[in-house]
Amino acid sequence: MTASEEILYQKRIPIYPRSVKGRFRKLKWGILALAYGVYFLLPWIPWDRTIGPDQAVSFELATRRFYLFDLVVHPQDIFWLAGILVIAAILLFMVTGIAGRVFCGYFCFQTLWTDVYVLIERLVQGERPARIRLDKAPWGGEKLAKKTLTHLLWLAVGFWTGLTFALYWADAPHLVVQFFTGTAPFPAYATTLFLMVTTYVMAGLAREQVCTYMCPYARFQSAMFDRDTLIVAYDEKRGEGSAGRHKAAKGFQGREERMKQGAGDCIDCGYCVQVCPTGIDIRNGLQYQCISCALCVDACNNIMDTLGWPRGLIRYTSDNEQHGKKTRIVKPKTLGYGFVLLVAIGLLSFSIATRTPLDMEVYQVRNPLYVLLSDGSIQNSYELKLNNKSERTLDLKISIFGLQNAKLEMGGFREIHLAPEQSLRLMARVRLHPDAQQDKPRTFHFKVTAEHHDMAPLTQPVPFYMPGREASQ
């Protein structure tokens, strides 16, 4: 084969993650149980409301409202979503700068679902050596049965994942009955099927390829790293010694014997590689495929415990610590991220805490800007949008101020009753004789007052156009 015919595509090398016990594996199982509990149980938690669905979390497309326990998010509050995304991004950047890719290793959906899929595979097909033998064995009854059962269970988890997501967008018990009786809306079936297939492919078939090739986070994470960032690293000086790694063979059993031969503490067992979900060798240094799950730390610590040697040959450390310096957690970058994060959280919390039960928006009808009436008065038209975001009926009175001798005409809708979570559009016409206001600013305010309710009046300034310089502009 000539150089021009060099193959640029490498066939995927199957990875068979081995099970491991340790504190980081326990931490991952705990986070997985919490995440699965939240995701799969939230749609089933009842929640009493005067208006809206009786479940704790529900996203209603028909009414365009999101119900999060006692908080109701209306379309006008969608900027809260931007605030949440900003907070999540800043938090991700700050945590990555401090502790590396711990999000990928412990909280990412891909990691959480892949862990469950690998667990299913291990329970059905056996530990790593058994799975390798099964894949190499010719097709027969046992292989067909185990492979079929594995994939059926993977599809079942994917189906459960997709159906649960659909339950967030409707009344969960009612939708489940509709779903299995064939009367559910088409989007429920389409969403469930789509997420079932994507979960099956990503967590069951693609696995580490998602982290290695598809996820952009692995590519730009280095921009957030510095010499103080905690990473999973191999202590090369301790592990290699002067003569490199050596297995625990005759003459290389105890540490003293190994030191005399120049061998380090690494016995080259390969356990750290076998437990890695992305199949890398952490002893080769920091690699972009590493998701900082620290399973290799558990694996190496178990070997060190068995041998009676100190732990920490593979550990969370930093570049500075590896070179004998002190790791700084509190530094200008961390403080900067922390300050911006606190400000963003404070602004979002303040916006939610001070939200008003009533929204008012006033738009001027600009075609035409004004109308000249037969009595010489000038008329401007406006569209009012009122949105009751509370769970009670509001008795509202609409008025204007700031434009002397102006008259408000609303066709008998000056006083209205706005039901809970009801939105209403109204047309308002304001008339003014030009003589009294010829040389004065022509800006006034609409005012909405909620009678019999402890709520401050809402006001909004709007312009009033007349023939002359303003109209020509």
Protein backbone atom coordinates (compact mmCIF):
# COMPACT_ATOMS: atom_id res chain seq x y z
CA MET A 1 0.00 0.00 0.00
CA THR A 2 1.46 3.39 -1.00
CA ALA A 3 1.36 6.51 1.15
CA SER A 4 -1.37 7.96 -1.04
CA GLU A 5 -3.50 4.90 -0.33
CA GLU A 6 -3.18 5.23 3.43
CA ILE A 7 -6.41 4.42 5.21
CA LEU A 8 -7.66 7.47 7.09
CA TYR A 9 -10.56 5.70 8.80
CA GLN A 10 -9.94 3.39 11.73
CA LYS A 11 -12.50 0.75 12.40
CA ARG A 12 -14.01 1.00 15.85
CA ILE A 13 -12.30 -1.12 18.49
CA PRO A 14 -15.02 -2.56 20.79
CA ILE A 15 -14.75 -1.51 24.42
CA TYR A 16 -15.85 -3.86 27.19
CA PRO A 17 -15.83 -1.86 30.44
CA ARG A 18 -15.07 -3.97 33.47
CA SER A 19 -16.92 -3.47 36.75
CA VAL A 20 -15.10 -1.87 39.65
CA LYS A 21 -15.84 -1.03 43.27
CA GLY A 22 -14.75 2.10 45.08
CA ARG A 23 -15.85 5.48 46.35
CA PHE A 24 -16.06 7.09 42.93
CA ARG A 25 -18.12 4.21 41.56
CA LYS A 26 -20.44 4.54 44.57
CA LEU A 27 -20.68 8.27 43.95
CA LYS A 28 -21.61 7.65 40.32
CA TRP A 29 -24.29 5.13 41.31
CA GLY A 30 -25.70 7.61 43.84
CA ILE A 31 -25.88 10.43 41.30
CA LEU A 32 -27.41 8.06 38.74
CA ALA A 33 -30.10 6.95 41.22
CA LEU A 34 -30.90 10.57 42.06
CA ALA A 35 -31.03 11.64 38.41
CA TYR A 36 -33.21 8.70 37.39
CA GLY A 37 -35.47 9.23 40.39
CA VAL A 38 -36.00 12.88 39.49
CA TYR A 39 -36.50 12.26 35.77
CA PHE A 40 -38.81 9.26 35.96
CA LEU A 41 -40.84 10.22 39.06
CA LEU A 42 -41.46 13.97 38.58
CA PRO A 43 -44.41 13.55 36.15
CA TRP A 44 -46.15 11.32 38.70
CA ILE A 45 -45.95 13.68 41.69
CA PRO A 46 -49.42 15.19 42.32
CA TRP A 47 -49.75 18.91 42.95
CA ASP A 48 -52.95 20.70 43.90
CA ARG A 49 -53.65 23.82 41.86
CA THR A 50 -56.71 26.01 41.48
CA ILE A 51 -56.01 26.31 37.78
CA GLY A 52 -53.83 24.02 35.67
CA PRO A 53 -52.79 20.36 35.74
CA ASP A 54 -52.63 18.50 39.04
CA GLN A 55 -49.04 17.33 38.64
CA ALA A 56 -45.88 18.91 40.02
CA VAL A 57 -44.13 19.50 36.69
CA SER A 58 -46.04 19.91 33.46
CA PHE A 59 -45.38 21.74 30.20
CA GLU A 60 -48.69 22.69 28.60
CA LEU A 61 -48.34 23.46 24.90
CA ALA A 62 -52.02 24.28 24.42
CA THR A 63 -51.93 27.07 27.01
CA ARG A 64 -48.20 27.80 26.49
CA ARG A 65 -47.48 27.58 30.20
CA PHE A 66 -44.90 25.66 32.20
CA TYR A 67 -45.91 24.47 35.68
CA LEU A 68 -43.01 23.91 38.07
CA PHE A 69 -44.51 23.16 41.47
CA ASP A 70 -45.88 26.55 42.67
CA LEU A 71 -44.20 28.49 39.88
CA VAL A 72 -46.11 29.09 36.65
CA VAL A 73 -44.00 30.26 33.70
CA HIS A 74 -45.94 32.19 31.07
CA PRO A 75 -44.78 33.05 27.55
CA GLN A 76 -43.93 36.56 28.80
CA ASP A 77 -41.48 34.99 31.29
CA ILE A 78 -39.48 33.07 28.70
CA PHE A 79 -36.46 35.26 29.43
CA TRP A 80 -36.15 33.21 32.64
CA LEU A 81 -35.05 30.34 30.42
CA ALA A 82 -32.24 32.51 29.09
CA GLY A 83 -31.25 33.26 32.69
CA ILE A 84 -31.19 29.57 33.57
CA LEU A 85 -29.05 28.78 30.52
CA VAL A 86 -26.61 31.57 31.41
CA ILE A 87 -26.35 30.27 34.98
CA ALA A 88 -25.81 26.71 33.75
CA ALA A 89 -23.08 27.82 31.32
CA ILE A 90 -21.23 29.88 33.92
CA LEU A 91 -21.49 27.07 36.47
CA LEU A 92 -20.17 24.58 33.91
CA PHE A 93 -17.23 26.83 33.06
CA MET A 94 -16.39 27.46 36.71
CA VAL A 95 -16.61 23.78 37.71
CA THR A 96 -14.55 22.76 34.68
CA GLY A 97 -11.88 25.30 35.56
CA ILE A 98 -11.71 23.88 39.10
CA ALA A 99 -12.30 20.13 38.69
CA GLY A 100 -12.04 19.35 34.98
CA ARG A 101 -14.71 17.32 33.18
CA VAL A 102 -16.60 16.13 36.25
CA PHE A 103 -19.87 17.07 34.55
CA CYS A 104 -19.12 14.55 31.80
CA GLY A 105 -18.10 11.87 34.25
CA TYR A 106 -20.98 12.15 36.70
CA PHE A 107 -23.92 14.24 35.43
CA CYS A 108 -24.07 14.06 31.64
CA PHE A 109 -27.16 12.28 30.26
CA GLN A 110 -24.96 10.25 27.93
CA THR A 111 -22.89 9.01 30.86
CA LEU A 112 -25.91 8.24 33.05
CA TRP A 113 -27.77 6.26 30.41
CA THR A 114 -24.65 4.49 29.16
CA ASP A 115 -23.92 3.31 32.72
CA VAL A 116 -27.35 1.68 32.87
CA TYR A 117 -26.96 0.10 29.43
CA VAL A 118 -23.54 -1.31 30.38
CA LEU A 119 -25.03 -2.63 33.63
CA ILE A 120 -27.78 -4.43 31.68
CA GLU A 121 -25.19 -5.87 29.31
CA ARG A 122 -23.08 -7.09 32.25
CA LEU A 123 -26.06 -8.66 34.05
CA VAL A 124 -27.16 -10.55 30.93
CA GLN A 125 -23.85 -11.44 29.29
CA GLY A 126 -21.46 -11.52 32.25
CA GLU A 127 -18.27 -9.73 33.20
CA ARG A 128 -15.76 -8.36 30.71
CA PRO A 129 -14.03 -11.68 29.80
CA ALA A 130 -17.39 -13.39 29.32
CA ARG A 131 -18.61 -10.62 27.01
CA ILE A 132 -15.43 -10.77 24.96
CA ARG A 133 -15.75 -14.55 24.59
CA LEU A 134 -19.41 -14.24 23.68
CA ASP A 135 -18.66 -11.74 20.89
CA LYS A 136 -15.90 -13.96 19.50
CA ALA A 137 -17.98 -17.12 19.69
CA PRO A 138 -19.94 -18.32 16.63
CA TRP A 139 -23.65 -17.64 16.57
CA GLY A 140 -25.60 -20.24 18.49
CA GLY A 141 -28.53 -20.55 20.83
CA GLU A 142 -26.83 -19.06 23.88
CA LYS A 143 -25.34 -16.12 22.01
CA LEU A 144 -28.58 -15.39 20.20
CA ALA A 145 -30.59 -15.54 23.44
CA LYS A 146 -28.23 -13.27 25.41
CA LYS A 147 -27.83 -10.75 22.62
CA THR A 148 -31.57 -10.64 21.97
CA LEU A 149 -32.38 -10.18 25.65
CA THR A 150 -29.76 -7.45 25.98
CA HIS A 151 -31.13 -5.46 23.07
CA LEU A 152 -34.73 -5.95 24.16
CA LEU A 153 -33.89 -4.58 27.61
CA TRP A 154 -32.04 -1.67 26.01
CA LEU A 155 -35.10 -0.89 23.89
CA ALA A 156 -37.29 -1.16 27.00
CA VAL A 157 -35.17 1.43 28.82
CA GLY A 158 -35.24 3.64 25.72
CA PHE A 159 -39.01 3.28 25.50
CA TRP A 160 -39.40 4.13 29.18
CA THR A 161 -37.17 7.17 28.67
CA GLY A 162 -39.14 8.42 25.67
CA LEU A 163 -42.55 7.83 27.24
CA THR A 164 -41.51 9.60 30.43
CA PHE A 165 -40.43 12.64 28.44
CA ALA A 166 -43.83 12.71 26.74
CA LEU A 167 -45.54 12.58 30.15
CA TYR A 168 -44.10 15.98 31.02
CA TRP A 169 -46.27 17.53 28.30
CA ALA A 170 -49.65 16.15 29.37
CA ASP A 171 -51.54 14.67 32.29
CA ALA A 172 -49.36 11.64 33.02
CA PRO A 173 -51.94 9.02 34.14
CA HIS A 174 -54.39 10.01 31.42
CA LEU A 175 -51.73 9.99 28.69
CA VAL A 176 -50.47 6.55 29.71
CA VAL A 177 -53.99 5.13 29.38
CA GLN A 178 -54.40 6.83 26.01
CA PHE A 179 -50.98 5.65 24.87
CA PHE A 180 -51.62 1.97 25.48
CA THR A 181 -55.20 2.08 24.17
CA GLY A 182 -54.13 3.71 20.91
CA THR A 183 -55.96 7.00 21.49
CA ALA A 184 -53.02 9.26 22.40
CA PRO A 185 -52.13 12.21 20.15
CA PHE A 186 -49.68 11.45 17.36
CA PRO A 187 -46.89 13.65 18.84
CA ALA A 188 -46.85 11.41 21.93
CA TYR A 189 -46.09 8.33 19.81
CA ALA A 190 -43.60 10.21 17.62
CA THR A 191 -41.73 11.66 20.60
CA THR A 192 -41.59 8.32 22.40
CA LEU A 193 -40.36 6.49 19.30
CA PHE A 194 -37.75 9.14 18.49
CA LEU A 195 -36.28 9.20 22.01
CA MET A 196 -36.43 5.42 22.29
CA VAL A 197 -34.37 5.02 19.12
CA THR A 198 -31.90 7.79 19.92
CA THR A 199 -31.38 6.52 23.49
CA TYR A 200 -30.87 2.98 22.20
CA VAL A 201 -28.35 4.12 19.59
CA MET A 202 -26.44 6.62 21.72
CA ALA A 203 -26.24 4.68 25.00
CA GLY A 204 -26.31 1.15 23.62
CA LEU A 205 -24.49 1.22 20.29
CA ALA A 206 -22.44 4.42 19.99
CA ARG A 207 -21.46 4.86 23.66
CA GLU A 208 -17.94 6.30 23.89
CA GLN A 209 -18.12 7.54 20.28
CA VAL A 210 -20.61 10.17 21.41
CA CYS A 211 -18.08 11.55 23.89
CA THR A 212 -15.13 11.18 21.53
CA TYR A 213 -16.53 12.33 18.19
CA MET A 214 -19.95 13.94 18.64
CA CYS A 215 -19.79 16.01 21.82
CA PRO A 216 -18.13 19.42 21.26
CA TYR A 217 -17.37 19.80 24.96
CA ALA A 218 -14.38 17.46 24.72
CA ARG A 219 -12.90 19.70 22.04
CA PHE A 220 -13.06 23.07 23.77
CA GLN A 221 -12.60 21.97 27.39
CA SER A 222 -8.87 22.73 27.25
CA ALA A 223 -9.70 26.42 26.93
CA MET A 224 -11.03 26.30 30.51
CA PHE A 225 -8.16 24.27 31.97
CA ASP A 226 -5.15 25.77 33.72
CA ARG A 227 -2.32 24.40 35.83
CA ASP A 228 -4.55 24.36 38.93
CA THR A 229 -7.39 22.41 37.33
CA LEU A 230 -7.96 19.04 38.99
CA ILE A 231 -7.56 16.18 36.54
CA VAL A 232 -7.35 12.40 36.78
CA ALA A 233 -3.64 11.73 36.37
CA TYR A 234 -1.11 8.94 36.71
CA ASP A 235 1.92 9.55 38.93
CA GLU A 236 4.52 8.68 36.34
CA LYS A 237 7.50 9.20 38.63
CA ARG A 238 6.17 6.79 41.22
CA GLY A 239 4.68 4.32 38.75
CA GLU A 240 7.59 4.09 36.31
CA GLY A 241 10.65 4.42 38.51
CA SER A 242 13.94 4.45 36.61
CA ALA A 243 13.36 1.19 34.74
CA GLY A 244 9.68 1.59 33.88
CA ARG A 245 6.69 -0.61 34.68
CA HIS A 246 7.04 -4.23 35.50
CA LYS A 247 4.58 -6.95 36.37
CA ALA A 248 4.63 -8.51 39.83
CA ALA A 249 6.81 -11.43 38.77
CA LYS A 250 9.57 -13.19 40.66
CA GLY A 251 12.05 -10.68 41.99
CA PHE A 252 9.49 -7.89 41.56
CA GLN A 253 7.03 -8.76 44.33
CA GLY A 254 7.66 -6.28 47.13
CA ARG A 255 8.30 -2.57 46.82
CA GLU A 256 11.85 -2.91 48.11
CA GLU A 257 12.65 -5.56 45.52
CA ARG A 258 11.16 -3.42 42.77
CA MET A 259 13.04 -0.34 43.89
CA LYS A 260 16.34 -2.24 43.77
CA GLN A 261 15.52 -3.25 40.18
CA GLY A 262 14.48 0.32 39.34
CA ALA A 263 10.83 -0.64 38.74
CA GLY A 264 7.98 1.62 39.82
CA ASP A 265 4.76 0.79 41.65
CA CYS A 266 2.76 0.16 38.46
CA ILE A 267 2.52 -3.60 37.97
CA ASP A 268 1.08 -3.13 34.46
CA CYS A 269 -2.09 -5.09 35.30
CA GLY A 270 -4.19 -3.08 32.86
CA TYR A 271 -7.09 -2.78 35.32
CA CYS A 272 -7.23 1.01 34.86
CA VAL A 273 -7.65 0.56 31.11
CA GLN A 274 -10.26 -2.18 31.44
CA VAL A 275 -12.62 -0.10 33.60
CA CYS A 276 -12.37 3.04 31.44
CA PRO A 277 -15.67 3.70 29.61
CA THR A 278 -13.83 5.39 26.73
CA GLY A 279 -11.07 2.78 26.55
CA ILE A 280 -8.05 5.08 27.07
CA ASP A 281 -4.87 4.39 29.03
CA ILE A 282 -4.59 7.16 31.62
CA ARG A 283 -0.90 6.33 31.98
CA ASN A 284 -0.33 7.99 28.61
CA GLY A 285 -1.21 11.37 30.09
CA LEU A 286 -4.20 13.69 29.85
CA GLN A 287 -6.34 12.93 26.80
CA TYR A 288 -9.43 14.64 25.45
CA GLN A 289 -11.34 11.34 25.60
CA CYS A 290 -11.03 11.28 29.42
CA ILE A 291 -14.35 12.20 31.05
CA SER A 292 -12.91 12.39 34.60
CA CYS A 293 -15.14 9.63 35.94
CA ALA A 294 -12.22 8.43 38.15
CA LEU A 295 -13.09 4.75 37.76
CA CYS A 296 -9.43 4.17 36.99
CA VAL A 297 -8.66 5.71 40.39
CA ASP A 298 -10.88 3.12 42.07
CA ALA A 299 -9.31 0.32 40.03
CA CYS A 300 -5.74 1.33 40.86
CA ASN A 301 -6.55 1.91 44.53
CA ASN A 302 -8.01 -1.60 44.75
CA ILE A 303 -4.78 -3.04 43.35
CA MET A 304 -2.68 -0.96 45.73
CA ASP A 305 -4.83 -2.14 48.65
CA THR A 306 -4.36 -5.75 47.60
CA LEU A 307 -0.60 -5.29 47.45
CA GLY A 308 -0.52 -3.31 50.69
CA TRP A 309 1.02 -0.28 48.97
CA PRO A 310 -0.07 3.39 49.35
CA ARG A 311 -3.01 4.60 47.33
CA GLY A 312 -2.83 7.48 44.90
CA LEU A 313 -0.81 6.10 42.00
CA ILE A 314 -3.73 7.37 39.91
CA ARG A 315 -5.58 10.23 41.56
CA TYR A 316 -7.24 13.60 41.18
CA THR A 317 -4.41 16.11 41.03
CA SER A 318 -3.29 19.18 39.12
CA ASP A 319 -0.37 20.07 36.89
CA ASN A 320 1.03 22.31 39.61
CA GLU A 321 0.82 19.56 42.20
CA GLN A 322 2.54 17.13 39.88
CA HIS A 323 5.45 19.59 39.68
CA GLY A 324 5.66 20.06 43.43
CA LYS A 325 3.64 23.27 43.61
CA LYS A 326 0.47 24.10 45.49
CA THR A 327 -2.93 23.79 43.83
CA ARG A 328 -4.89 27.03 44.03
CA ILE A 329 -8.65 26.74 44.09
CA VAL A 330 -9.31 30.36 45.05
CA LYS A 331 -7.85 32.48 42.25
CA PRO A 332 -8.96 35.46 40.14
CA LYS A 333 -10.63 33.30 37.46
CA THR A 334 -12.61 31.32 40.02
CA LEU A 335 -13.62 34.47 41.88
CA GLY A 336 -14.67 36.09 38.61
CA TYR A 337 -16.82 33.11 37.63
CA GLY A 338 -18.26 33.01 41.15
CA PHE A 339 -19.14 36.70 41.12
CA VAL A 340 -20.87 36.53 37.74
CA LEU A 341 -22.68 33.37 38.84
CA LEU A 342 -23.97 34.98 42.03
CA VAL A 343 -25.11 38.07 40.11
CA ALA A 344 -26.96 35.93 37.54
CA ILE A 345 -28.62 33.83 40.26
CA GLY A 346 -29.54 36.97 42.18
CA LEU A 347 -31.11 38.67 39.17
CA LEU A 348 -33.10 35.58 38.24
CA SER A 349 -34.26 35.07 41.83
CA PHE A 350 -35.25 38.72 42.12
CA SER A 351 -37.18 38.57 38.86
CA ILE A 352 -39.09 35.48 40.00
CA ALA A 353 -39.72 36.83 43.51
CA THR A 354 -41.02 40.19 42.27
CA ARG A 355 -43.12 38.92 39.39
CA THR A 356 -46.52 40.58 39.18
CA PRO A 357 -49.78 38.65 38.86
CA LEU A 358 -50.80 40.87 35.93
CA ASP A 359 -49.02 41.75 32.69
CA MET A 360 -49.98 44.71 30.53
CA GLU A 361 -48.66 45.61 27.11
CA VAL A 362 -49.85 48.54 25.00
CA TYR A 363 -49.16 48.82 21.27
CA GLN A 364 -50.10 51.79 19.14
CA VAL A 365 -51.96 51.06 15.94
CA ARG A 366 -49.68 52.68 13.39
CA ASN A 367 -51.79 52.40 10.28
CA PRO A 368 -52.93 55.11 10.43
CA LEU A 369 -51.06 56.94 13.18
CA TYR A 370 -54.00 59.25 13.80
CA VAL A 371 -57.47 60.00 12.48
CA LEU A 372 -58.95 63.48 12.11
CA LEU A 373 -62.57 63.44 13.27
CA SER A 374 -65.36 65.69 12.02
CA ASP A 375 -65.34 67.83 15.18
CA GLY A 376 -61.63 68.58 14.77
CA SER A 377 -60.48 66.07 17.40
CA ILE A 378 -57.53 63.80 16.81
CA GLN A 379 -57.95 60.09 17.53
CA ASN A 380 -55.17 57.55 18.14
CA SER A 381 -55.86 53.82 18.46
CA TYR A 382 -54.10 51.36 20.77
CA GLU A 383 -54.16 47.63 21.39
CA LEU A 384 -53.98 46.47 25.02
CA LYS A 385 -52.88 42.98 26.02
CA LEU A 386 -53.75 41.88 29.55
CA ASN A 387 -52.59 38.60 31.02
CA ASN A 388 -53.73 37.35 34.41
CA LYS A 389 -50.93 35.14 35.75
CA SER A 390 -52.53 34.57 39.14
CA GLU A 391 -54.94 31.87 40.32
CA ARG A 392 -57.75 34.32 41.12
CA THR A 393 -60.12 36.53 39.17
CA LEU A 394 -58.96 40.14 38.85
CA ASP A 395 -61.40 43.06 38.66
CA LEU A 396 -59.60 45.60 36.51
CA LYS A 397 -60.25 49.26 35.76
CA ILE A 398 -58.51 50.93 32.80
CA SER A 399 -57.83 54.67 32.67
CA ILE A 400 -55.37 57.20 31.24
CA PHE A 401 -53.50 60.13 32.71
CA GLY A 402 -50.99 62.71 31.55
CA LEU A 403 -52.97 64.01 28.58
CA GLN A 404 -55.29 66.81 29.68
CA ASN A 405 -58.84 66.81 28.34
CA ALA A 406 -58.26 63.51 26.52
CA LYS A 407 -61.09 61.01 26.34
CA LEU A 408 -60.72 57.23 26.48
CA GLU A 409 -63.14 55.12 24.46
CA MET A 410 -63.12 51.33 24.92
CA GLY A 411 -66.61 50.34 23.85
CA GLY A 412 -67.86 49.59 27.35
CA PHE A 413 -64.78 47.66 28.50
CA ARG A 414 -63.36 50.18 30.97
CA GLU A 415 -64.02 47.69 33.79
CA ILE A 416 -63.36 44.02 33.12
CA HIS A 417 -63.19 40.74 35.01
CA LEU A 418 -60.13 38.71 34.05
CA ALA A 419 -60.36 35.03 35.00
CA PRO A 420 -57.33 33.12 36.36
CA GLU A 421 -54.65 32.61 33.68
CA GLN A 422 -56.84 34.37 31.13
CA SER A 423 -55.39 36.62 28.43
CA LEU A 424 -57.39 39.39 26.79
CA ARG A 425 -56.84 41.83 23.92
CA LEU A 426 -58.71 45.13 23.88
CA MET A 427 -58.91 48.06 21.49
CA ALA A 428 -58.71 51.54 23.00
CA ARG A 429 -59.22 54.89 21.27
CA VAL A 430 -57.97 58.13 22.75
CA ARG A 431 -59.41 61.41 21.46
CA LEU A 432 -57.99 64.90 21.99
CA HIS A 433 -58.91 68.32 20.68
CA PRO A 434 -55.67 69.86 19.34
CA ASP A 435 -56.12 73.43 20.61
CA ALA A 436 -55.33 72.85 24.31
CA GLN A 437 -52.29 70.63 23.70
CA GLN A 438 -50.69 72.27 20.68
CA ASP A 439 -47.34 73.20 22.28
CA LYS A 440 -47.06 70.59 25.05
CA PRO A 441 -45.44 67.15 25.06
CA ARG A 442 -47.89 64.57 23.87
CA THR A 443 -46.98 61.48 25.89
CA PHE A 444 -49.43 59.95 28.32
CA HIS A 445 -49.90 56.75 30.35
CA PHE A 446 -52.36 53.90 30.36
CA LYS A 447 -53.18 52.76 33.88
CA VAL A 448 -54.67 49.44 34.97
CA THR A 449 -55.88 49.14 38.56
CA ALA A 450 -56.91 45.88 40.19
CA GLU A 451 -59.78 46.67 42.47
CA HIS A 452 -60.20 44.76 45.76
CA HIS A 453 -56.68 43.35 45.37
CA ASP A 454 -53.44 44.31 47.06
CA MET A 455 -51.57 45.02 43.83
CA ALA A 456 -49.86 48.18 42.67
CA PRO A 457 -51.40 49.76 39.55
CA LEU A 458 -49.65 49.06 36.25
CA THR A 459 -48.76 51.97 33.98
CA GLN A 460 -47.20 52.23 30.54
CA PRO A 461 -46.23 55.40 28.67
CA VAL A 462 -47.31 55.74 25.05
CA PRO A 463 -47.11 58.58 22.50
CA PHE A 464 -50.04 60.50 21.07
CA TYR A 465 -49.56 61.56 17.46
CA MET A 466 -51.06 64.67 15.87
CA PRO A 467 -50.65 66.38 12.52
CA GLY A 468 -47.36 68.28 12.41
CA ARG A 469 -43.71 67.56 13.16
CA GLU A 470 -44.27 64.31 15.17
CA ALA A 471 -46.38 62.76 12.48
CA SER A 472 -43.92 63.67 9.75
CA GLN A 473 -41.12 62.00 11.67
